[in-house]
């Protein structure tokens, strides 16, 4: 499923970043950005459509591949009263979309020293007492672009089940859409992050990890680190492209579009 999504994103990118002429675009849709109508190609993502309309992302762009959660978007579709949420880099445009870009999710995070906290579920309620206000409305789950069972892991947090919270929230990208919609003002992703940290603290450190740490401390990779740090930007970009091709992450045609500004000019 993840590979299919990435392939669709790659294909959508090509329609905009390769400089295709408007005359070659067969299908168009109309979307509304900050109340103004724009005609854009039908087979592109929301992020690409916003850029096609002439806007430039200064914030809220991130990885452009559905992993960082920076491009959280709220929208409505003509004729539908429901408010929908999505990631702009993954979601295709639809005719009649009304878009609202969210610069960030306003959610406070309590300060804690993980080394001083026991790996127990009671810690979650101590730092996030608002968990007790959960009314199990499931709005958070409906807002999640990762299709996580957010309400279920909040209920697990209330029970103090760190393992369940970790399992159910593992693919969270911390976009904040769940918290924006929550009537109880729960910051779900911060709750889950603390739960995963506490649960990870309770697990034994794998031997291969300890071995790698010993190698780093002994200076085994110091020379290679210094070499990489001495490279210029163009050399690092070329090194990245080469390694991605060797790993199968880039096709030869894609490699030339890995650029400094993320727009595909190379």
Protein backbone atom coordinates (compact mmCIF):
# COMPACT_ATOMS: atom_id res chain seq x y z
CA UNK A 1 0.00 0.00 0.00
CA UNK A 2 2.78 2.45 0.95
CA UNK A 3 4.65 1.74 -2.29
CA UNK A 4 1.48 2.38 -4.32
CA UNK A 5 0.96 5.72 -2.59
CA UNK A 6 4.56 6.77 -3.26
CA UNK A 7 4.22 5.77 -6.91
CA UNK A 8 1.08 7.87 -7.27
CA UNK A 9 2.88 10.82 -5.68
CA UNK A 10 5.80 10.39 -8.09
CA UNK A 11 3.44 10.30 -11.08
CA UNK A 12 1.55 13.34 -9.83
CA UNK A 13 4.79 15.28 -9.40
CA UNK A 14 5.72 14.66 -13.00
CA UNK A 15 2.69 16.53 -14.32
CA UNK A 16 3.87 19.77 -12.72
CA UNK A 17 7.63 19.65 -12.34
CA UNK A 18 8.62 18.56 -15.85
CA UNK A 19 7.31 21.75 -17.42
CA UNK A 20 4.38 20.22 -19.30
CA UNK A 21 2.52 22.75 -21.43
CA UNK A 22 -1.04 23.73 -20.49
CA UNK A 23 -2.20 22.66 -23.92
CA UNK A 24 -1.22 19.08 -23.13
CA UNK A 25 -3.40 18.92 -20.01
CA UNK A 26 -6.72 17.29 -20.83
CA UNK A 27 -8.59 17.62 -17.57
CA UNK A 28 -8.91 20.60 -15.24
CA UNK A 29 -10.63 21.28 -11.93
CA UNK A 30 -11.43 24.44 -9.99
CA UNK A 31 -10.26 24.77 -6.39
CA UNK A 32 -10.50 27.67 -3.94
CA UNK A 33 -7.48 28.92 -2.01
CA UNK A 34 -8.25 31.55 0.61
CA UNK A 35 -11.59 32.10 -1.13
CA UNK A 36 -10.18 32.70 -4.62
CA UNK A 37 -10.87 30.30 -7.47
CA UNK A 38 -8.01 28.70 -9.40
CA UNK A 39 -8.07 26.39 -12.42
CA UNK A 40 -5.51 23.60 -11.97
CA UNK A 41 -4.66 20.25 -13.61
CA UNK A 42 -6.92 17.45 -12.34
CA UNK A 43 -4.27 14.84 -11.61
CA UNK A 44 -2.03 16.61 -9.10
CA UNK A 45 -1.81 16.83 -5.32
CA UNK A 46 -3.09 19.68 -3.19
CA UNK A 47 0.45 20.88 -2.55
CA UNK A 48 1.26 20.95 -6.23
CA UNK A 49 -2.02 22.69 -6.99
CA UNK A 50 -1.26 25.45 -4.51
CA UNK A 51 2.15 25.96 -6.13
CA UNK A 52 0.62 25.77 -9.60
CA UNK A 53 -1.70 28.59 -8.56
CA UNK A 54 1.36 30.74 -7.87
CA UNK A 55 1.85 30.35 -4.13
CA UNK A 56 5.24 29.53 -2.67
CA UNK A 57 5.64 27.36 0.42
CA UNK A 58 7.83 28.94 3.05
CA UNK A 59 6.54 26.65 5.80
CA UNK A 60 4.32 23.61 5.78
CA UNK A 61 6.14 21.76 3.00
CA UNK A 62 8.53 19.37 4.75
CA UNK A 63 9.35 16.09 3.08
CA UNK A 64 6.64 16.24 0.36
CA UNK A 65 6.30 12.46 0.63
CA UNK A 66 3.76 11.84 3.39
CA UNK A 67 6.16 11.24 6.27
CA UNK A 68 6.73 14.48 8.18
CA UNK A 69 3.15 15.68 8.70
CA UNK A 70 4.01 19.33 8.00
CA UNK A 71 1.40 19.93 5.28
CA UNK A 72 -1.77 19.36 7.32
CA UNK A 73 -4.75 20.68 5.39
CA UNK A 74 -8.41 21.18 6.21
CA UNK A 75 -10.89 21.41 3.35
CA UNK A 76 -14.50 21.17 2.29
CA UNK A 77 -15.94 20.03 -1.01
CA UNK A 78 -18.79 21.88 -2.71
CA UNK A 79 -22.14 20.48 -1.65
CA UNK A 80 -20.76 18.70 1.43
CA UNK A 81 -20.99 20.41 4.83
CA UNK A 82 -18.44 18.08 6.45
CA UNK A 83 -14.97 19.37 7.28
CA UNK A 84 -12.26 17.04 5.99
CA UNK A 85 -8.58 16.74 6.86
CA UNK A 86 -5.63 15.48 4.82
CA UNK A 87 -1.95 15.86 3.99
CA UNK A 88 -1.51 18.21 1.04
CA UNK A 89 1.36 16.18 -0.43
CA UNK A 90 -0.68 12.96 -0.65
CA UNK A 91 -4.21 14.06 -1.48
CA UNK A 92 -5.39 14.65 -5.05
CA UNK A 93 -7.39 17.71 -5.97
CA UNK A 94 -11.14 17.45 -6.48
CA UNK A 95 -13.35 19.90 -8.30
CA UNK A 96 -14.86 22.43 -5.91
CA UNK A 97 -12.37 22.01 -3.05
CA UNK A 98 -12.09 24.87 -0.55
CA UNK A 99 -8.62 24.69 1.04
CA UNK A 100 -7.21 25.94 4.33
CA UNK A 101 -3.52 25.41 5.04
CA UNK A 102 -2.58 25.09 8.71
CA UNK A 103 0.81 26.64 9.56
CA UNK A 104 1.17 24.51 12.69
CA UNK A 105 -0.91 22.65 15.27
CA UNK A 106 -1.16 24.82 18.42
CA UNK A 107 -0.47 22.16 21.01
CA UNK A 108 1.54 22.59 24.18
CA UNK A 109 3.98 19.91 25.21
CA UNK A 110 4.82 19.37 28.90
CA UNK A 111 8.49 19.22 29.89
CA UNK A 112 9.67 15.95 31.38
CA UNK A 113 12.92 14.16 32.09
CA UNK A 114 12.56 10.69 30.65
CA UNK A 115 15.47 9.38 32.72
CA UNK A 116 13.59 10.23 35.90
CA UNK A 117 10.25 8.73 34.89
CA UNK A 118 9.34 5.08 35.52
CA UNK A 119 8.04 3.10 32.52
CA UNK A 120 4.50 3.08 33.89
CA UNK A 121 1.17 4.07 32.38
CA UNK A 122 0.35 6.37 35.30
CA UNK A 123 2.96 8.80 33.99
CA UNK A 124 0.71 9.61 31.03
CA UNK A 125 -2.13 10.85 33.22
CA UNK A 126 0.24 12.87 35.35
CA UNK A 127 1.48 14.85 32.36
CA UNK A 128 -1.75 14.73 30.36
CA UNK A 129 -4.67 14.88 32.83
CA UNK A 130 -6.93 15.97 29.97
CA UNK A 131 -6.96 12.31 28.91
CA UNK A 132 -9.75 11.85 31.45
CA UNK A 133 -11.91 14.25 29.42
CA UNK A 134 -12.03 11.92 26.40
CA UNK A 135 -15.67 11.34 25.41
CA UNK A 136 -14.83 8.63 22.85
CA UNK A 137 -16.38 10.64 20.00
CA UNK A 138 -13.86 9.18 17.53
CA UNK A 139 -13.33 12.56 15.83
CA UNK A 140 -9.57 12.11 16.19
CA UNK A 141 -9.63 8.82 14.30
CA UNK A 142 -11.67 10.32 11.48
CA UNK A 143 -9.19 13.19 11.14
CA UNK A 144 -6.08 11.00 10.96
CA UNK A 145 -4.51 10.93 7.45
CA UNK A 146 -2.63 7.76 8.45
CA UNK A 147 -5.91 6.00 9.23
CA UNK A 148 -4.72 5.19 12.74
CA UNK A 149 -7.17 4.15 15.45
CA UNK A 150 -6.39 7.26 17.48
CA UNK A 151 -9.32 6.98 19.89
CA UNK A 152 -8.32 3.39 20.66
CA UNK A 153 -4.80 4.36 21.68
CA UNK A 154 -6.13 7.20 23.83
CA UNK A 155 -8.35 4.69 25.60
CA UNK A 156 -5.30 2.44 26.00
CA UNK A 157 -3.44 5.40 27.51
CA UNK A 158 -6.25 5.84 30.03
CA UNK A 159 -5.81 2.18 31.01
CA UNK A 160 -2.06 2.68 31.31
CA UNK A 161 -1.32 0.15 28.56
CA UNK A 162 1.97 1.49 27.14
CA UNK A 163 2.43 -1.47 24.79
CA UNK A 164 -0.98 -0.94 23.16
CA UNK A 165 -0.44 2.81 22.75
CA UNK A 166 2.95 2.12 21.16
CA UNK A 167 1.54 -0.44 18.74
CA UNK A 168 -1.49 1.62 17.71
CA UNK A 169 0.37 4.94 17.34
CA UNK A 170 3.60 3.69 15.79
CA UNK A 171 2.90 5.19 12.35
CA UNK A 172 1.90 8.62 13.72
CA UNK A 173 3.53 11.48 11.80
CA UNK A 174 2.50 14.13 14.36
CA UNK A 175 0.63 16.34 11.91
CA UNK A 176 -1.70 17.53 14.69
CA UNK A 177 -4.98 17.08 12.80
CA UNK A 178 -6.36 14.86 15.58
CA UNK A 179 -5.72 17.49 18.24
CA UNK A 180 -7.16 20.30 16.16
CA UNK A 181 -10.48 18.46 15.96
CA UNK A 182 -10.60 17.20 19.58
CA UNK A 183 -13.37 18.72 21.74
CA UNK A 184 -11.53 17.58 24.90
CA UNK A 185 -8.34 19.44 23.89
CA UNK A 186 -6.21 16.31 24.09
CA UNK A 187 -2.85 16.46 22.32
CA UNK A 188 -2.97 12.89 21.10
CA UNK A 189 0.37 12.75 19.36
CA UNK A 190 2.30 14.07 22.38
CA UNK A 191 0.57 11.48 24.57
CA UNK A 192 1.56 8.73 22.15
CA UNK A 193 5.13 9.99 21.86
CA UNK A 194 5.62 9.86 25.63
CA UNK A 195 4.04 6.39 25.75
CA UNK A 196 6.42 5.10 23.07
CA UNK A 197 9.41 6.60 24.87
CA UNK A 198 8.39 5.06 28.18
CA UNK A 199 7.73 1.70 26.56
CA UNK A 200 11.03 1.80 24.71
CA UNK A 201 12.76 2.58 27.98
CA UNK A 202 11.41 -0.66 29.42
CA UNK A 203 12.82 -2.79 26.62
CA UNK A 204 16.32 -4.31 26.65
CA UNK A 205 18.86 -2.71 24.31
CA UNK A 206 19.62 -5.10 21.39
CA UNK A 207 23.18 -6.38 21.27
CA UNK A 208 23.77 -5.10 17.73
CA UNK A 209 22.87 -1.57 18.88
CA UNK A 210 25.29 -1.73 21.79
CA UNK A 211 27.97 -3.03 19.43
CA UNK A 212 27.43 -0.15 17.00
CA UNK A 213 27.62 2.39 19.84
CA UNK A 214 30.94 0.89 20.93
CA UNK A 215 32.23 1.15 17.35
CA UNK A 216 31.24 4.83 17.11
CA UNK A 217 32.82 5.62 20.48
CA UNK A 218 36.00 3.82 19.40
CA UNK A 219 36.25 6.08 16.33
CA UNK A 220 35.65 3.41 13.70
CA UNK A 221 33.64 5.81 11.51
CA UNK A 222 35.43 9.06 12.38
CA UNK A 223 37.37 9.23 9.12
CA UNK A 224 34.25 8.68 7.00
CA UNK A 225 32.31 11.27 9.01
CA UNK A 226 35.05 13.83 8.43
CA UNK A 227 35.10 13.06 4.71
CA UNK A 228 31.36 13.57 4.36
CA UNK A 229 31.42 16.77 6.43
CA UNK A 230 34.10 18.19 4.13
CA UNK A 231 32.00 17.69 0.98
CA UNK A 232 30.27 20.58 -0.76
CA UNK A 233 26.53 20.64 -1.31
CA UNK A 234 26.66 19.47 -4.92
CA UNK A 235 28.92 16.57 -3.96
CA UNK A 236 26.53 15.53 -1.18
CA UNK A 237 23.57 15.68 -3.57
CA UNK A 238 25.41 13.52 -6.08
CA UNK A 239 26.36 11.06 -3.32
CA UNK A 240 22.71 10.87 -2.28
CA UNK A 241 21.55 10.24 -5.83
CA UNK A 242 24.15 7.53 -6.32
CA UNK A 243 23.23 5.71 -3.11
CA UNK A 244 19.51 5.92 -3.86
CA UNK A 245 20.03 4.45 -7.31
CA UNK A 246 22.09 1.62 -5.84
CA UNK A 247 19.35 0.90 -3.30
CA UNK A 248 16.65 1.05 -5.96
CA UNK A 249 15.10 4.17 -4.47
CA UNK A 250 15.55 6.28 -7.61
CA UNK A 251 15.16 5.44 -11.27
CA UNK A 252 17.57 7.04 -13.70
CA UNK A 253 14.93 9.52 -14.84
CA UNK A 254 14.09 10.54 -11.28
CA UNK A 255 17.66 11.19 -10.21
CA UNK A 256 17.94 14.39 -12.21
CA UNK A 257 14.91 15.79 -10.39
CA UNK A 258 16.40 15.55 -6.90
CA UNK A 259 17.27 19.19 -6.39
CA UNK A 260 17.90 21.83 -3.80
CA UNK A 261 14.50 23.44 -3.80
CA UNK A 262 12.34 20.33 -4.12
CA UNK A 263 10.63 21.63 -7.28
CA UNK A 264 12.39 19.30 -9.69
CA UNK A 265 14.47 21.73 -11.71
CA UNK A 266 17.84 20.18 -12.15
